[in-house]
Amino acid sequence: MENKWWVLVMAVAVAMATVGIADGDSKAPPLVKIVKGKKVCDQGWECKGLSKYCCNQTISDFFQTYQFEDLFSKRNSPVAHAAGFWDYKSFITAAAVYQPHGFGTTGSKLTGMKEVAAFLGHVGSKTSCVLCIFCGCPVIDVNAIDESNETRNYNYGTTGEALNVDLLNHPEYIEQNATLAFQAAIWRWMTPVKKSQPSAHDVFVGNWKPTKNDTAAKRLPGFGTTLNVLYGDNVCGQGDVDSMNNAISHYQYYLDTMGVGREEAGPHEVLSCAEQKAFNPSSSGTDAAS
């Protein structure tokens, strides 16, 4: 149940409408205040609400339409099952909700670029057609529709409650709104599955400090453990399986395409979860992190 984040990612692949902020909109200088001795900022539509993270560069400062098009250049090709539905506007509009909370705005510009590449690497690895790896061709996962009530309640009920949208009774809303689909996926990236565990975001940007149990389970900060958070033992702890390597390859390719360079991804032990124990093993249902 807890490791069905890929269902939300697949929702991105069936979203049909886009809304958003036009790329290239001029940005006013950030509003800067000191609150309780700490600097906080407001950058308008993209990073609003007096947050410390809004004092950093926003995603549109380092990731623009042409880069999105480069990453997903084949998404509108004839082999794509849902061509023409998702674009830069839908992504950046959804991301704006979470930038005040650190999505793409935690730390340096490099950290922000790496997080965007990591998140979209996960999305790309789940929405690429078999014949064009790395191209981001969207597909519809028809099997994801046939879910148990428990899984459905978790995927749509919990997410819908967080987004204030009735997804449990109207999951088609995600299929009809690309911004909402991206928002759901980013919410999952930013939100722990359990309160005692880190989010994929916290794992990736270094907010999470592994415990002795985590170290023993070979879980450490980095891309590999984001796989553990999002997919658990469906991907991790199984050696060099294709699903893990596919996500890693997308992340590295996106770093290259964004001009960061795959060398910034780190060593294999940071990228891989091949030997990690799952936070939430699907077989036993116990919490490996406790």
C-alpha atoms as a PDB file:
ATOM      1  CA  MET A   1       0.000   0.000   0.000  1.00  0.00           C
ATOM      2  CA  GLU A   2       2.632   2.482   1.013  1.00  0.00           C
ATOM      3  CA  ASN A   3       4.767   1.970  -2.055  1.00  0.00           C
ATOM      4  CA  LYS A   4       2.247   2.911  -4.747  1.00  0.00           C
ATOM      5  CA  TRP A   5       3.722   6.321  -5.523  1.00  0.00           C
ATOM      6  CA  TRP A   6       4.147   5.142  -9.078  1.00  0.00           C
ATOM      7  CA  VAL A   7       0.360   5.296  -9.464  1.00  0.00           C
ATOM      8  CA  LEU A   8       0.526   9.035  -8.857  1.00  0.00           C
ATOM      9  CA  VAL A   9       3.415   9.313 -11.288  1.00  0.00           C
ATOM     10  CA  MET A  10       1.383   7.436 -13.871  1.00  0.00           C
ATOM     11  CA  ALA A  11      -1.384   9.943 -13.358  1.00  0.00           C
ATOM     12  CA  VAL A  12       0.941  12.532 -14.858  1.00  0.00           C
ATOM     13  CA  ALA A  13       0.956  10.393 -17.989  1.00  0.00           C
ATOM     14  CA  VAL A  14      -2.818  10.641 -18.447  1.00  0.00           C
ATOM     15  CA  ALA A  15      -3.447  14.274 -17.527  1.00  0.00           C
ATOM     16  CA  MET A  16      -5.170  16.074 -20.373  1.00  0.00           C
ATOM     17  CA  ALA A  17      -5.385  19.787 -19.495  1.00  0.00           C
ATOM     18  CA  THR A  18      -2.717  22.295 -18.660  1.00  0.00           C
ATOM     19  CA  VAL A  19      -2.850  25.546 -16.759  1.00  0.00           C
ATOM     20  CA  GLY A  20      -0.015  27.611 -15.499  1.00  0.00           C
ATOM     21  CA  ILE A  21       2.259  30.586 -15.538  1.00  0.00           C
ATOM     22  CA  ALA A  22       3.857  31.565 -18.831  1.00  0.00           C
ATOM     23  CA  ASP A  23       7.574  30.873 -18.999  1.00  0.00           C
ATOM     24  CA  GLY A  24       9.613  34.023 -19.068  1.00  0.00           C
ATOM     25  CA  ASP A  25       7.267  36.124 -16.925  1.00  0.00           C
ATOM     26  CA  SER A  26       9.178  38.979 -15.376  1.00  0.00           C
ATOM     27  CA  LYS A  27       9.874  38.618 -11.697  1.00  0.00           C
ATOM     28  CA  ALA A  28       9.934  41.442  -9.223  1.00  0.00           C
ATOM     29  CA  PRO A  29      12.724  41.550  -6.647  1.00  0.00           C
ATOM     30  CA  PRO A  30      11.878  39.296  -3.677  1.00  0.00           C
ATOM     31  CA  LEU A  31      10.259  40.755  -0.613  1.00  0.00           C
ATOM     32  CA  VAL A  32      12.712  40.227   2.247  1.00  0.00           C
ATOM     33  CA  LYS A  33      11.859  40.356   5.944  1.00  0.00           C
ATOM     34  CA  ILE A  34      13.490  39.365   9.202  1.00  0.00           C
ATOM     35  CA  VAL A  35      11.155  37.281  11.345  1.00  0.00           C
ATOM     36  CA  LYS A  36      12.352  36.154  14.763  1.00  0.00           C
ATOM     37  CA  GLY A  37      15.893  36.919  13.728  1.00  0.00           C
ATOM     38  CA  LYS A  38      15.704  34.845  10.543  1.00  0.00           C
ATOM     39  CA  LYS A  39      15.619  36.019   6.942  1.00  0.00           C
ATOM     40  CA  VAL A  40      12.501  35.034   5.016  1.00  0.00           C
ATOM     41  CA  CYS A  41      11.406  36.010   1.517  1.00  0.00           C
ATOM     42  CA  ASP A  42       8.422  36.115  -0.806  1.00  0.00           C
ATOM     43  CA  GLN A  43       8.949  35.859  -4.580  1.00  0.00           C
ATOM     44  CA  GLY A  44       5.369  36.215  -5.695  1.00  0.00           C
ATOM     45  CA  TRP A  45       3.495  33.518  -7.612  1.00  0.00           C
ATOM     46  CA  GLU A  46       6.353  31.030  -7.686  1.00  0.00           C
ATOM     47  CA  CYS A  47       7.521  31.134  -4.087  1.00  0.00           C
ATOM     48  CA  LYS A  48       4.948  32.876  -1.945  1.00  0.00           C
ATOM     49  CA  GLY A  49       4.447  33.051   1.792  1.00  0.00           C
ATOM     50  CA  LEU A  50       7.568  34.399   3.536  1.00  0.00           C
ATOM     51  CA  SER A  51       9.728  31.289   3.594  1.00  0.00           C
ATOM     52  CA  LYS A  52      13.464  30.896   4.074  1.00  0.00           C
ATOM     53  CA  TYR A  53      13.479  28.770   0.933  1.00  0.00           C
ATOM     54  CA  CYS A  54      12.065  31.652  -1.111  1.00  0.00           C
ATOM     55  CA  CYS A  55      15.288  33.550  -0.427  1.00  0.00           C
ATOM     56  CA  ASN A  56      17.043  31.083  -2.754  1.00  0.00           C
ATOM     57  CA  GLN A  57      16.746  30.783  -6.521  1.00  0.00           C
ATOM     58  CA  THR A  58      13.417  29.453  -7.700  1.00  0.00           C
ATOM     59  CA  ILE A  59      12.990  26.612 -10.170  1.00  0.00           C
ATOM     60  CA  SER A  60      12.199  28.935 -13.082  1.00  0.00           C
ATOM     61  CA  ASP A  61      15.551  30.641 -12.481  1.00  0.00           C
ATOM     62  CA  PHE A  62      17.436  27.514 -13.514  1.00  0.00           C
ATOM     63  CA  PHE A  63      14.883  25.290 -15.278  1.00  0.00           C
ATOM     64  CA  GLN A  64      12.940  26.689 -18.208  1.00  0.00           C
ATOM     65  CA  THR A  65      10.681  25.577 -21.036  1.00  0.00           C
ATOM     66  CA  TYR A  66      13.432  24.577 -23.460  1.00  0.00           C
ATOM     67  CA  GLN A  67      15.019  22.335 -20.843  1.00  0.00           C
ATOM     68  CA  PHE A  68      11.701  20.623 -20.129  1.00  0.00           C
ATOM     69  CA  GLU A  69      11.257  20.111 -23.864  1.00  0.00           C
ATOM     70  CA  ASP A  70      14.757  18.628 -24.080  1.00  0.00           C
ATOM     71  CA  LEU A  71      14.010  16.174 -21.274  1.00  0.00           C
ATOM     72  CA  PHE A  72      10.674  15.072 -22.723  1.00  0.00           C
ATOM     73  CA  SER A  73      11.263  15.764 -26.396  1.00  0.00           C
ATOM     74  CA  LYS A  74       9.302  12.742 -27.638  1.00  0.00           C
ATOM     75  CA  ARG A  75       6.279  13.029 -25.356  1.00  0.00           C
ATOM     76  CA  ASN A  76       4.101  14.270 -28.238  1.00  0.00           C
ATOM     77  CA  SER A  77       5.310  11.761 -30.816  1.00  0.00           C
ATOM     78  CA  PRO A  78       2.872   9.326 -32.473  1.00  0.00           C
ATOM     79  CA  VAL A  79       4.050   6.488 -30.191  1.00  0.00           C
ATOM     80  CA  ALA A  80       2.914   8.431 -27.134  1.00  0.00           C
ATOM     81  CA  HIS A  81      -0.426   7.206 -25.808  1.00  0.00           C
ATOM     82  CA  ALA A  82      -1.553  10.594 -24.512  1.00  0.00           C
ATOM     83  CA  ALA A  83       0.238  13.172 -26.583  1.00  0.00           C
ATOM     84  CA  GLY A  84      -0.252  16.836 -25.914  1.00  0.00           C
ATOM     85  CA  PHE A  85      -1.372  16.732 -22.289  1.00  0.00           C
ATOM     86  CA  TRP A  86       1.519  17.785 -20.021  1.00  0.00           C
ATOM     87  CA  ASP A  87       4.027  20.586 -20.392  1.00  0.00           C
ATOM     88  CA  TYR A  88       6.313  22.985 -18.598  1.00  0.00           C
ATOM     89  CA  LYS A  89       3.457  25.228 -17.477  1.00  0.00           C
ATOM     90  CA  SER A  90       1.678  22.409 -15.668  1.00  0.00           C
ATOM     91  CA  PHE A  91       4.895  21.379 -13.936  1.00  0.00           C
ATOM     92  CA  ILE A  92       6.051  24.832 -12.850  1.00  0.00           C
ATOM     93  CA  THR A  93       2.556  25.786 -11.646  1.00  0.00           C
ATOM     94  CA  ALA A  94       2.362  22.653  -9.514  1.00  0.00           C
ATOM     95  CA  ALA A  95       5.918  23.126  -8.268  1.00  0.00           C
ATOM     96  CA  ALA A  96       5.122  26.682  -7.158  1.00  0.00           C
ATOM     97  CA  VAL A  97       2.922  25.297  -4.373  1.00  0.00           C
ATOM     98  CA  TYR A  98       5.862  23.376  -2.884  1.00  0.00           C
ATOM     99  CA  GLN A  99       8.776  25.711  -3.502  1.00  0.00           C
ATOM    100  CA  PRO A 100       8.075  27.612  -0.237  1.00  0.00           C
ATOM    101  CA  HIS A 101       8.532  24.228   1.457  1.00  0.00           C
ATOM    102  CA  GLY A 102      11.887  23.565  -0.192  1.00  0.00           C
ATOM    103  CA  PHE A 103      11.059  21.707  -3.394  1.00  0.00           C
ATOM    104  CA  GLY A 104      13.853  22.764  -5.757  1.00  0.00           C
ATOM    105  CA  THR A 105      14.673  25.670  -3.430  1.00  0.00           C
ATOM    106  CA  THR A 106      16.616  23.924  -0.662  1.00  0.00           C
ATOM    107  CA  GLY A 107      20.248  24.989  -0.488  1.00  0.00           C
ATOM    108  CA  SER A 108      22.275  25.993  -3.509  1.00  0.00           C
ATOM    109  CA  LYS A 109      21.298  26.262  -7.144  1.00  0.00           C
ATOM    110  CA  LEU A 110      23.116  22.975  -7.763  1.00  0.00           C
ATOM    111  CA  THR A 111      21.057  21.198  -5.108  1.00  0.00           C
ATOM    112  CA  GLY A 112      17.870  22.608  -6.613  1.00  0.00           C
ATOM    113  CA  MET A 113      18.804  21.474 -10.103  1.00  0.00           C
ATOM    114  CA  LYS A 114      19.687  18.016  -8.854  1.00  0.00           C
ATOM    115  CA  GLU A 115      16.375  17.688  -7.015  1.00  0.00           C
ATOM    116  CA  VAL A 116      14.375  18.700 -10.081  1.00  0.00           C
ATOM    117  CA  ALA A 117      16.370  16.190 -12.153  1.00  0.00           C
ATOM    118  CA  ALA A 118      15.807  13.484  -9.541  1.00  0.00           C
ATOM    119  CA  PHE A 119      12.064  14.078  -9.293  1.00  0.00           C
ATOM    120  CA  LEU A 120      11.587  14.241 -13.054  1.00  0.00           C
ATOM    121  CA  GLY A 121      13.908  11.247 -13.402  1.00  0.00           C
ATOM    122  CA  HIS A 122      11.416   9.231 -11.371  1.00  0.00           C
ATOM    123  CA  VAL A 123       8.544  10.570 -13.475  1.00  0.00           C
ATOM    124  CA  GLY A 124      10.400   9.879 -16.717  1.00  0.00           C
ATOM    125  CA  SER A 125      11.300   6.327 -15.709  1.00  0.00           C
ATOM    126  CA  LYS A 126       7.622   5.578 -15.149  1.00  0.00           C
ATOM    127  CA  THR A 127       6.269   7.322 -18.242  1.00  0.00           C
ATOM    128  CA  SER A 128       8.757   6.263 -20.924  1.00  0.00           C
ATOM    129  CA  CYS A 129       7.717   3.938 -23.665  1.00  0.00           C
ATOM    130  CA  VAL A 130       9.672   0.734 -24.107  1.00  0.00           C
ATOM    131  CA  LEU A 131      10.962   1.688 -27.544  1.00  0.00           C
ATOM    132  CA  CYS A 132      12.365   5.106 -26.595  1.00  0.00           C
ATOM    133  CA  ILE A 133      14.060   5.003 -23.242  1.00  0.00           C
ATOM    134  CA  PHE A 134      15.023   8.420 -21.886  1.00  0.00           C
ATOM    135  CA  CYS A 135      12.532  10.174 -24.149  1.00  0.00           C
ATOM    136  CA  GLY A 136       9.683  10.510 -21.684  1.00  0.00           C
ATOM    137  CA  CYS A 137       6.993   9.086 -23.935  1.00  0.00           C
ATOM    138  CA  PRO A 138       3.856   8.915 -21.818  1.00  0.00           C
ATOM    139  CA  VAL A 139       1.892   5.717 -21.415  1.00  0.00           C
ATOM    140  CA  ILE A 140      -1.316   4.849 -19.623  1.00  0.00           C
ATOM    141  CA  ASP A 141      -0.962   2.190 -16.947  1.00  0.00           C
ATOM    142  CA  VAL A 142      -4.294   0.431 -17.291  1.00  0.00           C
ATOM    143  CA  ASN A 143      -3.382  -1.988 -14.510  1.00  0.00           C
ATOM    144  CA  ALA A 144      -3.207   0.898 -12.066  1.00  0.00           C
ATOM    145  CA  ILE A 145      -6.944   1.395 -12.452  1.00  0.00           C
ATOM    146  CA  ASP A 146      -7.718  -2.052 -11.028  1.00  0.00           C
ATOM    147  CA  GLU A 147      -6.736  -1.440  -7.424  1.00  0.00           C
ATOM    148  CA  SER A 148      -7.813  -2.844  -4.102  1.00  0.00           C
ATOM    149  CA  ASN A 149      -9.971  -0.592  -1.948  1.00  0.00           C
ATOM    150  CA  GLU A 150      -7.119  -0.243   0.529  1.00  0.00           C
ATOM    151  CA  THR A 151      -4.669   0.876  -2.134  1.00  0.00           C
ATOM    152  CA  ARG A 152      -7.251   3.134  -3.731  1.00  0.00           C
ATOM    153  CA  ASN A 153      -8.020   4.792  -0.392  1.00  0.00           C
ATOM    154  CA  TYR A 154      -4.327   5.406   0.161  1.00  0.00           C
ATOM    155  CA  ASN A 155      -3.479   6.638  -3.305  1.00  0.00           C
ATOM    156  CA  TYR A 156      -6.518   8.783  -3.973  1.00  0.00           C
ATOM    157  CA  GLY A 157      -8.089   9.313  -0.555  1.00  0.00           C
ATOM    158  CA  THR A 158      -4.969  10.459   1.290  1.00  0.00           C
ATOM    159  CA  THR A 159      -3.638  12.465  -1.618  1.00  0.00           C
ATOM    160  CA  GLY A 160      -6.988  14.088  -2.329  1.00  0.00           C
ATOM    161  CA  GLU A 161      -7.394  15.058   1.299  1.00  0.00           C
ATOM    162  CA  ALA A 162      -3.967  16.709   1.264  1.00  0.00           C
ATOM    163  CA  LEU A 163      -4.731  18.574  -1.965  1.00  0.00           C
ATOM    164  CA  ASN A 164      -8.313  19.406  -0.954  1.00  0.00           C
ATOM    165  CA  VAL A 165      -9.697  17.598  -3.984  1.00  0.00           C
ATOM    166  CA  ASP A 166     -12.134  14.661  -3.908  1.00  0.00           C
ATOM    167  CA  LEU A 167      -9.877  12.224  -5.735  1.00  0.00           C
ATOM    168  CA  LEU A 168     -11.327   9.202  -3.958  1.00  0.00           C
ATOM    169  CA  ASN A 169     -14.679   9.636  -5.667  1.00  0.00           C
ATOM    170  CA  HIS A 170     -13.297  11.434  -8.706  1.00  0.00           C
ATOM    171  CA  PRO A 171      -9.889  10.012  -9.639  1.00  0.00           C
ATOM    172  CA  GLU A 172     -10.566  11.217 -13.165  1.00  0.00           C
ATOM    173  CA  TYR A 173      -9.734  14.740 -12.006  1.00  0.00           C
ATOM    174  CA  ILE A 174      -6.065  13.800 -12.160  1.00  0.00           C
ATOM    175  CA  GLU A 175      -6.542  12.471 -15.694  1.00  0.00           C
ATOM    176  CA  GLN A 176      -8.102  15.772 -16.694  1.00  0.00           C
ATOM    177  CA  ASN A 177      -5.644  18.214 -15.151  1.00  0.00           C
ATOM    178  CA  ALA A 178      -1.903  17.968 -15.685  1.00  0.00           C
ATOM    179  CA  THR A 179      -1.146  20.517 -12.980  1.00  0.00           C
ATOM    180  CA  LEU A 180      -3.107  18.492 -10.437  1.00  0.00           C
ATOM    181  CA  ALA A 181      -1.305  15.331 -11.533  1.00  0.00           C
ATOM    182  CA  PHE A 182       2.097  16.947 -11.052  1.00  0.00           C
ATOM    183  CA  GLN A 183       0.923  18.408  -7.755  1.00  0.00           C
ATOM    184  CA  ALA A 184      -0.065  14.949  -6.520  1.00  0.00           C
ATOM    185  CA  ALA A 185       3.311  13.502  -7.493  1.00  0.00           C
ATOM    186  CA  ILE A 186       5.244  16.374  -5.871  1.00  0.00           C
ATOM    187  CA  TRP A 187       3.121  16.019  -2.725  1.00  0.00           C
ATOM    188  CA  ARG A 188       4.167  12.370  -2.515  1.00  0.00           C
ATOM    189  CA  TRP A 189       7.821  13.354  -3.054  1.00  0.00           C
ATOM    190  CA  MET A 190       7.603  15.908  -0.243  1.00  0.00           C
ATOM    191  CA  THR A 191       5.542  13.872   2.240  1.00  0.00           C
ATOM    192  CA  PRO A 192       6.718  10.954   4.422  1.00  0.00           C
ATOM    193  CA  VAL A 193       4.764   7.733   4.115  1.00  0.00           C
ATOM    194  CA  LYS A 194       4.890   7.548   7.917  1.00  0.00           C
ATOM    195  CA  LYS A 195       5.634  10.282  10.410  1.00  0.00           C
ATOM    196  CA  SER A 196       8.645   8.382  11.746  1.00  0.00           C
ATOM    197  CA  GLN A 197      10.201   8.187   8.289  1.00  0.00           C
ATOM    198  CA  PRO A 198      11.737  10.724   5.891  1.00  0.00           C
ATOM    199  CA  SER A 199      10.205  11.982   2.682  1.00  0.00           C
ATOM    200  CA  ALA A 200      12.008  11.438  -0.600  1.00  0.00           C
ATOM    201  CA  HIS A 201      12.758  15.167  -0.544  1.00  0.00           C
ATOM    202  CA  ASP A 202      14.361  15.014   2.907  1.00  0.00           C
ATOM    203  CA  VAL A 203      16.413  11.989   1.903  1.00  0.00           C
ATOM    204  CA  PHE A 204      17.633  13.669  -1.269  1.00  0.00           C
ATOM    205  CA  VAL A 205      18.551  17.143   0.006  1.00  0.00           C
ATOM    206  CA  GLY A 206      20.223  15.903   3.187  1.00  0.00           C
ATOM    207  CA  ASN A 207      17.596  16.915   5.766  1.00  0.00           C
ATOM    208  CA  TRP A 208      17.408  13.303   6.938  1.00  0.00           C
ATOM    209  CA  LYS A 209      20.062  11.866   9.247  1.00  0.00           C
ATOM    210  CA  PRO A 210      20.206   8.042   9.153  1.00  0.00           C
ATOM    211  CA  THR A 211      19.859   6.172  12.430  1.00  0.00           C
ATOM    212  CA  LYS A 212      21.924   3.136  13.380  1.00  0.00           C
ATOM    213  CA  ASN A 213      19.091   0.986  12.073  1.00  0.00           C
ATOM    214  CA  ASP A 214      19.192   2.853   8.759  1.00  0.00           C
ATOM    215  CA  THR A 215      22.942   2.388   8.482  1.00  0.00           C
ATOM    216  CA  ALA A 216      22.589  -1.316   9.219  1.00  0.00           C
ATOM    217  CA  ALA A 217      19.896  -1.483   6.536  1.00  0.00           C
ATOM    218  CA  LYS A 218      22.330   0.266   4.132  1.00  0.00           C
ATOM    219  CA  ARG A 219      20.046   3.273   3.773  1.00  0.00           C
ATOM    220  CA  LEU A 220      21.913   6.548   3.321  1.00  0.00           C
ATOM    221  CA  PRO A 221      21.080  10.044   2.018  1.00  0.00           C
ATOM    222  CA  GLY A 222      20.860  10.211  -1.768  1.00  0.00           C
ATOM    223  CA  PHE A 223      18.960   9.111  -4.836  1.00  0.00           C
ATOM    224  CA  GLY A 224      19.027   5.417  -3.975  1.00  0.00           C
ATOM    225  CA  THR A 225      17.024   5.889  -0.807  1.00  0.00           C
ATOM    226  CA  THR A 226      14.410   7.960  -2.640  1.00  0.00           C
ATOM    227  CA  LEU A 227      13.702   4.730  -4.520  1.00  0.00           C
ATOM    228  CA  ASN A 228      13.268   3.025  -1.160  1.00  0.00           C
ATOM    229  CA  VAL A 229      10.872   5.696   0.113  1.00  0.00           C
ATOM    230  CA  LEU A 230       8.750   5.662  -3.042  1.00  0.00           C
ATOM    231  CA  TYR A 231       8.818   2.012  -4.105  1.00  0.00           C
ATOM    232  CA  GLY A 232      10.147  -0.025  -1.169  1.00  0.00           C
ATOM    233  CA  ASP A 233      10.939  -3.651  -1.853  1.00  0.00           C
ATOM    234  CA  ASN A 234       9.172  -3.501  -5.192  1.00  0.00           C
ATOM    235  CA  VAL A 235      12.504  -2.110  -6.400  1.00  0.00           C
ATOM    236  CA  CYS A 236      15.017  -2.120  -3.542  1.00  0.00           C
ATOM    237  CA  GLY A 237      16.912  -4.978  -1.909  1.00  0.00           C
ATOM    238  CA  GLN A 238      16.741  -7.093  -5.061  1.00  0.00           C
ATOM    239  CA  GLY A 239      20.151  -6.443  -6.537  1.00  0.00           C
ATOM    240  CA  ASP A 240      20.681  -4.707  -9.875  1.00  0.00           C
ATOM    241  CA  VAL A 241      17.133  -4.987 -11.196  1.00  0.00           C
ATOM    242  CA  ASP A 242      16.026  -3.172 -14.347  1.00  0.00           C
ATOM    243  CA  SER A 243      13.473  -0.951 -12.602  1.00  0.00           C
ATOM    244  CA  MET A 244      16.136   0.467 -10.294  1.00  0.00           C
ATOM    245  CA  ASN A 245      18.713   0.915 -13.050  1.00  0.00           C
ATOM    246  CA  ASN A 246      16.083   2.542 -15.280  1.00  0.00           C
ATOM    247  CA  ALA A 247      15.368   5.243 -12.687  1.00  0.00           C
ATOM    248  CA  ILE A 248      19.082   5.812 -12.085  1.00  0.00           C
ATOM    249  CA  SER A 249      19.732   6.115 -15.813  1.00  0.00           C
ATOM    250  CA  HIS A 250      16.957   8.666 -16.206  1.00  0.00           C
ATOM    251  CA  TYR A 251      18.317  10.744 -13.338  1.00  0.00           C
ATOM    252  CA  GLN A 252      21.824  10.709 -14.786  1.00  0.00           C
ATOM    253  CA  TYR A 253      20.575  11.512 -18.284  1.00  0.00           C
ATOM    254  CA  TYR A 254      18.491  14.416 -16.981  1.00  0.00           C
ATOM    255  CA  LEU A 255      21.501  15.811 -15.118  1.00  0.00           C
ATOM    256  CA  ASP A 256      23.434  15.721 -18.379  1.00  0.00           C
ATOM    257  CA  THR A 257      20.591  17.321 -20.347  1.00  0.00           C
ATOM    258  CA  MET A 258      20.158  20.096 -17.777  1.00  0.00           C
ATOM    259  CA  GLY A 259      23.870  20.898 -18.004  1.00  0.00           C
ATOM    260  CA  VAL A 260      24.723  19.682 -14.509  1.00  0.00           C
ATOM    261  CA  GLY A 261      26.565  16.522 -15.520  1.00  0.00           C
ATOM    262  CA  ARG A 262      26.012  12.989 -14.313  1.00  0.00           C
ATOM    263  CA  GLU A 263      29.190  13.084 -12.268  1.00  0.00           C
ATOM    264  CA  GLU A 264      27.205  15.193  -9.786  1.00  0.00           C
ATOM    265  CA  ALA A 265      24.899  12.238  -9.162  1.00  0.00           C
ATOM    266  CA  GLY A 266      27.449  10.645  -6.844  1.00  0.00           C
ATOM    267  CA  PRO A 267      28.904   7.136  -6.541  1.00  0.00           C
ATOM    268  CA  HIS A 268      26.995   3.939  -7.126  1.00  0.00           C
ATOM    269  CA  GLU A 269      26.314   3.311  -3.451  1.00  0.00           C
ATOM    270  CA  VAL A 270      24.469   6.645  -3.280  1.00  0.00           C
ATOM    271  CA  LEU A 271      22.497   6.007  -6.479  1.00  0.00           C
ATOM    272  CA  SER A 272      21.607   2.394  -5.778  1.00  0.00           C
ATOM    273  CA  CYS A 273      19.207   0.711  -3.360  1.00  0.00           C
ATOM    274  CA  ALA A 274      20.156  -2.770  -4.523  1.00  0.00           C
ATOM    275  CA  GLU A 275      21.114  -3.936  -1.037  1.00  0.00           C
ATOM    276  CA  GLN A 276      18.849  -1.708   1.048  1.00  0.00           C
ATOM    277  CA  LYS A 277      16.169  -3.057   3.353  1.00  0.00           C
ATOM    278  CA  ALA A 278      12.802  -1.453   2.707  1.00  0.00           C
ATOM    279  CA  PHE A 279      11.424   1.107   5.137  1.00  0.00           C
ATOM    280  CA  ASN A 280       8.058  -0.653   4.854  1.00  0.00           C
ATOM    281  CA  PRO A 281       8.457  -4.259   3.700  1.00  0.00           C
ATOM    282  CA  SER A 282       5.435  -5.331   1.687  1.00  0.00           C
ATOM    283  CA  SER A 283       5.685  -8.941   2.825  1.00  0.00           C
ATOM    284  CA  SER A 284       5.637  -8.432   6.584  1.00  0.00           C
ATOM    285  CA  GLY A 285       4.044  -4.991   6.838  1.00  0.00           C
ATOM    286  CA  THR A 286       6.466  -4.129   9.593  1.00  0.00           C
ATOM    287  CA  ASP A 287       8.379  -0.900   9.846  1.00  0.00           C
ATOM    288  CA  ALA A 288      12.019  -1.626   9.147  1.00  0.00           C
ATOM    289  CA  ALA A 289      13.009   1.830  10.257  1.00  0.00           C
ATOM    290  CA  SER A 290      11.686   1.452  13.787  1.00  0.00           C
END
